[in-house]
Amino acid sequence: MKIPFIMSTIATAVYAFFLTSCDSEQENRRQDALEQKADQLEDQADMTRKQAEKAADATEDAADRIRDEAAGASDAAKETAEARADAAEDNADALRKAAEEKADALEDAADAERDAK
């Protein structure tokens, strides 16, 4: 008489464990949505880096053109052109730094989304 009772108790415990350990369809959709949002944030971070790099490269190219144009100019004009070119390069560096910070923040948000699972 005790054996069927013990077996029933064990079977009930096993069934309860398996039923509670399975993710529901709703939970799976929620996790998929979180993963998708995290992927989108990482894609945004990559795009931010690429766009900033393009802009910084264009600014540096402009600085090079300024220097090239001033090559045959007077010393005063060369100094002015050099100062403008240096300012352009500083601007390019600032663009890269700001974009990297924004991209890092987006990646941190993506990590937070994944941790919310």
N, C-alpha and C. Protein backbone atom coordinates (compact mmCIF):
# COMPACT_ATOMS: atom_id res chain seq x y z
N MET A 1 0.82 -1.19 0.00
CA MET A 1 0.00 0.00 0.00
C MET A 1 0.86 1.26 0.00
N LYS A 2 1.99 1.21 0.70
CA LYS A 2 2.86 2.38 0.76
C LYS A 2 3.58 2.62 -0.55
N ILE A 3 3.89 1.58 -1.30
CA ILE A 3 4.65 1.73 -2.55
C ILE A 3 3.87 2.56 -3.57
N PRO A 4 2.59 2.29 -3.84
CA PRO A 4 1.86 3.13 -4.79
C PRO A 4 1.79 4.59 -4.32
N PHE A 5 1.65 4.80 -3.01
CA PHE A 5 1.59 6.16 -2.49
C PHE A 5 2.92 6.87 -2.70
N ILE A 6 4.02 6.19 -2.42
CA ILE A 6 5.35 6.78 -2.60
C ILE A 6 5.60 7.05 -4.09
N MET A 7 5.25 6.11 -4.96
CA MET A 7 5.44 6.29 -6.39
C MET A 7 4.58 7.45 -6.91
N SER A 8 3.36 7.56 -6.40
CA SER A 8 2.49 8.67 -6.82
C SER A 8 3.08 10.01 -6.38
N THR A 9 3.62 10.04 -5.18
CA THR A 9 4.22 11.28 -4.65
C THR A 9 5.44 11.66 -5.48
N ILE A 10 6.28 10.70 -5.79
CA ILE A 10 7.48 10.97 -6.60
C ILE A 10 7.07 11.42 -8.00
N ALA A 11 6.10 10.73 -8.60
CA ALA A 11 5.64 11.10 -9.94
C ALA A 11 5.07 12.50 -9.94
N THR A 12 4.32 12.85 -8.93
CA THR A 12 3.74 14.20 -8.83
C THR A 12 4.85 15.25 -8.73
N ALA A 13 5.86 14.97 -7.94
CA ALA A 13 6.98 15.90 -7.79
C ALA A 13 7.73 16.06 -9.11
N VAL A 14 7.95 14.97 -9.80
CA VAL A 14 8.66 15.02 -11.09
C VAL A 14 7.84 15.80 -12.10
N TYR A 15 6.55 15.52 -12.21
CA TYR A 15 5.70 16.26 -13.15
C TYR A 15 5.66 17.75 -12.81
N ALA A 16 5.54 18.06 -11.54
CA ALA A 16 5.51 19.47 -11.13
C ALA A 16 6.82 20.17 -11.50
N PHE A 17 7.93 19.49 -11.31
CA PHE A 17 9.23 20.08 -11.67
C PHE A 17 9.32 20.34 -13.17
N PHE A 18 8.95 19.37 -13.97
CA PHE A 18 9.04 19.54 -15.43
C PHE A 18 8.08 20.59 -15.95
N LEU A 19 6.91 20.67 -15.39
CA LEU A 19 5.94 21.66 -15.85
C LEU A 19 6.36 23.08 -15.48
N THR A 20 6.97 23.24 -14.33
CA THR A 20 7.38 24.58 -13.92
C THR A 20 8.70 25.00 -14.53
N SER A 21 9.51 24.06 -14.98
CA SER A 21 10.81 24.43 -15.53
C SER A 21 10.73 24.78 -17.02
N CYS A 22 9.64 24.48 -17.67
CA CYS A 22 9.50 24.79 -19.09
C CYS A 22 9.08 26.25 -19.25
N ASP A 23 9.69 26.93 -20.23
CA ASP A 23 9.29 28.30 -20.52
C ASP A 23 7.99 28.26 -21.29
N SER A 24 7.14 29.20 -20.98
CA SER A 24 5.89 29.29 -21.71
C SER A 24 6.15 29.95 -23.05
N GLU A 25 5.17 29.85 -23.92
CA GLU A 25 5.28 30.48 -25.24
C GLU A 25 5.42 32.00 -25.09
N GLN A 26 4.70 32.53 -24.14
CA GLN A 26 4.77 33.98 -23.88
C GLN A 26 6.17 34.37 -23.40
N GLU A 27 6.76 33.58 -22.55
CA GLU A 27 8.11 33.86 -22.06
C GLU A 27 9.13 33.77 -23.19
N ASN A 28 8.97 32.80 -24.06
CA ASN A 28 9.86 32.67 -25.22
C ASN A 28 9.76 33.89 -26.13
N ARG A 29 8.53 34.37 -26.35
CA ARG A 29 8.35 35.57 -27.19
C ARG A 29 8.99 36.79 -26.54
N ARG A 30 8.85 36.90 -25.23
CA ARG A 30 9.44 38.02 -24.51
C ARG A 30 10.97 37.98 -24.63
N GLN A 31 11.54 36.81 -24.46
CA GLN A 31 12.99 36.68 -24.58
C GLN A 31 13.47 36.97 -26.00
N ASP A 32 12.72 36.51 -26.98
CA ASP A 32 13.07 36.79 -28.37
C ASP A 32 13.01 38.29 -28.66
N ALA A 33 12.00 38.95 -28.12
CA ALA A 33 11.87 40.39 -28.31
C ALA A 33 13.03 41.14 -27.66
N LEU A 34 13.42 40.72 -26.46
CA LEU A 34 14.56 41.35 -25.78
C LEU A 34 15.84 41.14 -26.57
N GLU A 35 16.02 39.94 -27.09
CA GLU A 35 17.22 39.65 -27.88
C GLU A 35 17.23 40.47 -29.17
N GLN A 36 16.08 40.59 -29.79
CA GLN A 36 15.99 41.38 -31.02
C GLN A 36 16.29 42.86 -30.74
N LYS A 37 15.77 43.37 -29.65
CA LYS A 37 16.03 44.77 -29.29
C LYS A 37 17.52 44.98 -29.00
N ALA A 38 18.12 44.02 -28.32
CA ALA A 38 19.56 44.12 -28.03
C ALA A 38 20.37 44.09 -29.33
N ASP A 39 19.99 43.25 -30.26
CA ASP A 39 20.67 43.19 -31.55
C ASP A 39 20.54 44.52 -32.30
N GLN A 40 19.36 45.12 -32.24
CA GLN A 40 19.15 46.40 -32.90
C GLN A 40 20.02 47.49 -32.27
N LEU A 41 20.15 47.47 -30.96
CA LEU A 41 20.99 48.45 -30.28
C LEU A 41 22.46 48.27 -30.68
N GLU A 42 22.90 47.03 -30.80
CA GLU A 42 24.28 46.79 -31.23
C GLU A 42 24.49 47.22 -32.69
N ASP A 43 23.49 47.00 -33.52
CA ASP A 43 23.59 47.46 -34.91
C ASP A 43 23.67 48.99 -34.96
N GLN A 44 22.89 49.63 -34.09
CA GLN A 44 22.92 51.09 -34.00
C GLN A 44 24.30 51.57 -33.56
N ALA A 45 24.90 50.87 -32.62
CA ALA A 45 26.23 51.23 -32.15
C ALA A 45 27.25 51.11 -33.28
N ASP A 46 27.16 50.03 -34.04
CA ASP A 46 28.07 49.85 -35.18
C ASP A 46 27.89 50.96 -36.21
N MET A 47 26.63 51.30 -36.50
CA MET A 47 26.35 52.35 -37.48
C MET A 47 26.87 53.70 -36.97
N THR A 48 26.72 53.96 -35.69
CA THR A 48 27.22 55.21 -35.11
C THR A 48 28.72 55.31 -35.29
N ARG A 49 29.42 54.22 -35.03
CA ARG A 49 30.88 54.22 -35.20
C ARG A 49 31.26 54.46 -36.66
N LYS A 50 30.58 53.78 -37.58
CA LYS A 50 30.91 53.92 -39.00
C LYS A 50 30.66 55.35 -39.49
N GLN A 51 29.52 55.92 -39.11
CA GLN A 51 29.20 57.28 -39.54
C GLN A 51 30.20 58.29 -38.97
N ALA A 52 30.55 58.11 -37.72
CA ALA A 52 31.51 59.03 -37.11
C ALA A 52 32.88 58.90 -37.76
N GLU A 53 33.27 57.70 -38.08
CA GLU A 53 34.56 57.50 -38.74
C GLU A 53 34.58 58.16 -40.11
N LYS A 54 33.47 58.04 -40.84
CA LYS A 54 33.37 58.70 -42.14
C LYS A 54 33.48 60.21 -41.99
N ALA A 55 32.75 60.76 -41.03
CA ALA A 55 32.77 62.20 -40.82
C ALA A 55 34.16 62.67 -40.39
N ALA A 56 34.79 61.91 -39.51
CA ALA A 56 36.13 62.28 -39.03
C ALA A 56 37.14 62.20 -40.17
N ASP A 57 37.02 61.17 -41.00
CA ASP A 57 37.93 61.05 -42.15
C ASP A 57 37.75 62.22 -43.12
N ALA A 58 36.50 62.60 -43.35
CA ALA A 58 36.24 63.74 -44.24
C ALA A 58 36.82 65.02 -43.67
N THR A 59 36.71 65.19 -42.35
CA THR A 59 37.27 66.38 -41.70
C THR A 59 38.79 66.38 -41.81
N GLU A 60 39.40 65.22 -41.63
CA GLU A 60 40.86 65.14 -41.76
C GLU A 60 41.30 65.38 -43.21
N ASP A 61 40.52 64.89 -44.17
CA ASP A 61 40.83 65.16 -45.57
C ASP A 61 40.77 66.66 -45.87
N ALA A 62 39.78 67.32 -45.27
CA ALA A 62 39.67 68.77 -45.44
C ALA A 62 40.89 69.47 -44.84
N ALA A 63 41.36 68.98 -43.70
CA ALA A 63 42.54 69.55 -43.08
C ALA A 63 43.76 69.38 -43.98
N ASP A 64 43.86 68.23 -44.61
CA ASP A 64 44.98 68.00 -45.54
C ASP A 64 44.90 68.94 -46.74
N ARG A 65 43.68 69.16 -47.25
CA ARG A 65 43.50 70.08 -48.37
C ARG A 65 43.89 71.50 -47.98
N ILE A 66 43.53 71.89 -46.77
CA ILE A 66 43.90 73.24 -46.28
C ILE A 66 45.41 73.38 -46.28
N ARG A 67 46.10 72.38 -45.78
CA ARG A 67 47.57 72.43 -45.75
C ARG A 67 48.16 72.47 -47.16
N ASP A 68 47.59 71.65 -48.05
CA ASP A 68 48.09 71.61 -49.43
C ASP A 68 47.90 72.95 -50.14
N GLU A 69 46.75 73.57 -49.92
CA GLU A 69 46.46 74.84 -50.56
C GLU A 69 47.37 75.95 -50.06
N ALA A 70 47.81 75.83 -48.83
CA ALA A 70 48.65 76.87 -48.23
C ALA A 70 50.13 76.66 -48.52
N ALA A 71 50.47 75.61 -49.23
CA ALA A 71 51.88 75.29 -49.47
C ALA A 71 52.63 76.42 -50.17
N GLY A 72 52.02 77.08 -51.11
CA GLY A 72 52.70 78.14 -51.84
C GLY A 72 52.43 79.53 -51.30
N ALA A 73 51.76 79.63 -50.16
CA ALA A 73 51.37 80.93 -49.62
C ALA A 73 52.48 81.51 -48.74
N SER A 74 52.23 82.71 -48.29
CA SER A 74 53.20 83.37 -47.41
C SER A 74 53.23 82.67 -46.05
N ASP A 75 54.22 83.02 -45.26
CA ASP A 75 54.36 82.39 -43.93
C ASP A 75 53.15 82.64 -43.05
N ALA A 76 52.63 83.84 -43.08
CA ALA A 76 51.46 84.17 -42.26
C ALA A 76 50.25 83.33 -42.70
N ALA A 77 50.07 83.20 -44.00
CA ALA A 77 48.96 82.40 -44.52
C ALA A 77 49.15 80.93 -44.18
N LYS A 78 50.39 80.47 -44.21
CA LYS A 78 50.68 79.07 -43.84
C LYS A 78 50.34 78.82 -42.38
N GLU A 79 50.70 79.78 -41.51
CA GLU A 79 50.40 79.62 -40.07
C GLU A 79 48.89 79.59 -39.84
N THR A 80 48.18 80.46 -40.51
CA THR A 80 46.73 80.50 -40.38
C THR A 80 46.12 79.18 -40.89
N ALA A 81 46.59 78.73 -42.04
CA ALA A 81 46.08 77.48 -42.60
C ALA A 81 46.41 76.30 -41.68
N GLU A 82 47.61 76.31 -41.12
CA GLU A 82 48.00 75.23 -40.20
C GLU A 82 47.11 75.22 -38.96
N ALA A 83 46.80 76.40 -38.46
CA ALA A 83 45.92 76.49 -37.29
C ALA A 83 44.53 75.97 -37.62
N ARG A 84 44.02 76.34 -38.81
CA ARG A 84 42.70 75.85 -39.22
C ARG A 84 42.74 74.33 -39.41
N ALA A 85 43.80 73.81 -39.98
CA ALA A 85 43.93 72.36 -40.19
C ALA A 85 44.03 71.62 -38.86
N ASP A 86 44.78 72.18 -37.92
CA ASP A 86 44.88 71.57 -36.59
C ASP A 86 43.52 71.56 -35.89
N ALA A 87 42.77 72.65 -36.04
CA ALA A 87 41.44 72.71 -35.44
C ALA A 87 40.52 71.66 -36.06
N ALA A 88 40.66 71.47 -37.37
CA ALA A 88 39.84 70.45 -38.05
C ALA A 88 40.19 69.06 -37.55
N GLU A 89 41.46 68.79 -37.35
CA GLU A 89 41.87 67.48 -36.83
C GLU A 89 41.41 67.27 -35.39
N ASP A 90 41.45 68.34 -34.60
CA ASP A 90 40.92 68.24 -33.23
C ASP A 90 39.43 67.93 -33.26
N ASN A 91 38.73 68.56 -34.20
CA ASN A 91 37.30 68.30 -34.36
C ASN A 91 37.07 66.84 -34.75
N ALA A 92 37.89 66.31 -35.63
CA ALA A 92 37.77 64.91 -36.04
C ALA A 92 37.97 63.97 -34.85
N ASP A 93 38.96 64.29 -34.02
CA ASP A 93 39.19 63.48 -32.82
C ASP A 93 38.00 63.54 -31.87
N ALA A 94 37.43 64.75 -31.73
CA ALA A 94 36.26 64.91 -30.85
C ALA A 94 35.07 64.13 -31.40
N LEU A 95 34.91 64.12 -32.72
CA LEU A 95 33.83 63.34 -33.33
C LEU A 95 33.99 61.86 -33.01
N ARG A 96 35.19 61.36 -33.17
CA ARG A 96 35.44 59.94 -32.88
C ARG A 96 35.15 59.61 -31.42
N LYS A 97 35.61 60.48 -30.53
CA LYS A 97 35.43 60.23 -29.10
C LYS A 97 33.94 60.24 -28.73
N ALA A 98 33.21 61.23 -29.22
CA ALA A 98 31.78 61.32 -28.91
C ALA A 98 31.03 60.11 -29.47
N ALA A 99 31.39 59.70 -30.67
CA ALA A 99 30.72 58.54 -31.28
C ALA A 99 31.04 57.27 -30.50
N GLU A 100 32.26 57.14 -30.06
CA GLU A 100 32.64 55.95 -29.28
C GLU A 100 31.87 55.90 -27.97
N GLU A 101 31.71 57.05 -27.32
CA GLU A 101 30.95 57.09 -26.07
C GLU A 101 29.49 56.73 -26.31
N LYS A 102 28.92 57.27 -27.40
CA LYS A 102 27.53 56.95 -27.72
C LYS A 102 27.38 55.47 -28.06
N ALA A 103 28.31 54.94 -28.82
CA ALA A 103 28.25 53.52 -29.19
C ALA A 103 28.41 52.63 -27.95
N ASP A 104 29.29 53.02 -27.05
CA ASP A 104 29.46 52.25 -25.81
C ASP A 104 28.18 52.27 -24.99
N ALA A 105 27.52 53.42 -24.94
CA ALA A 105 26.26 53.51 -24.21
C ALA A 105 25.20 52.61 -24.84
N LEU A 106 25.16 52.57 -26.16
CA LEU A 106 24.21 51.70 -26.85
C LEU A 106 24.52 50.23 -26.57
N GLU A 107 25.79 49.88 -26.55
CA GLU A 107 26.15 48.49 -26.25
C GLU A 107 25.84 48.14 -24.80
N ASP A 108 26.01 49.10 -23.89
CA ASP A 108 25.63 48.85 -22.49
C ASP A 108 24.12 48.63 -22.38
N ALA A 109 23.35 49.40 -23.15
CA ALA A 109 21.90 49.21 -23.15
C ALA A 109 21.54 47.84 -23.72
N ALA A 110 22.26 47.41 -24.74
CA ALA A 110 22.02 46.08 -25.32
C ALA A 110 22.31 44.99 -24.29
N ASP A 111 23.40 45.16 -23.56
CA ASP A 111 23.73 44.19 -22.52
C ASP A 111 22.65 44.16 -21.43
N ALA A 112 22.14 45.34 -21.09
CA ALA A 112 21.08 45.40 -20.08
C ALA A 112 19.82 44.69 -20.57
N GLU A 113 19.51 44.84 -21.86
CA GLU A 113 18.35 44.14 -22.42
C GLU A 113 18.54 42.63 -22.33
N ARG A 114 19.75 42.17 -22.65
CA ARG A 114 20.00 40.73 -22.58
C ARG A 114 19.95 40.23 -21.14
N ASP A 115 20.41 41.03 -20.20
CA ASP A 115 20.40 40.64 -18.80
C ASP A 115 18.97 40.62 -18.25
N ALA A 116 18.05 41.32 -18.90
CA ALA A 116 16.66 41.35 -18.44
C ALA A 116 15.94 40.04 -18.68
N LYS A 117 16.58 39.15 -19.43
CA LYS A 117 15.96 37.84 -19.67
C LYS A 117 15.78 37.18 -18.38
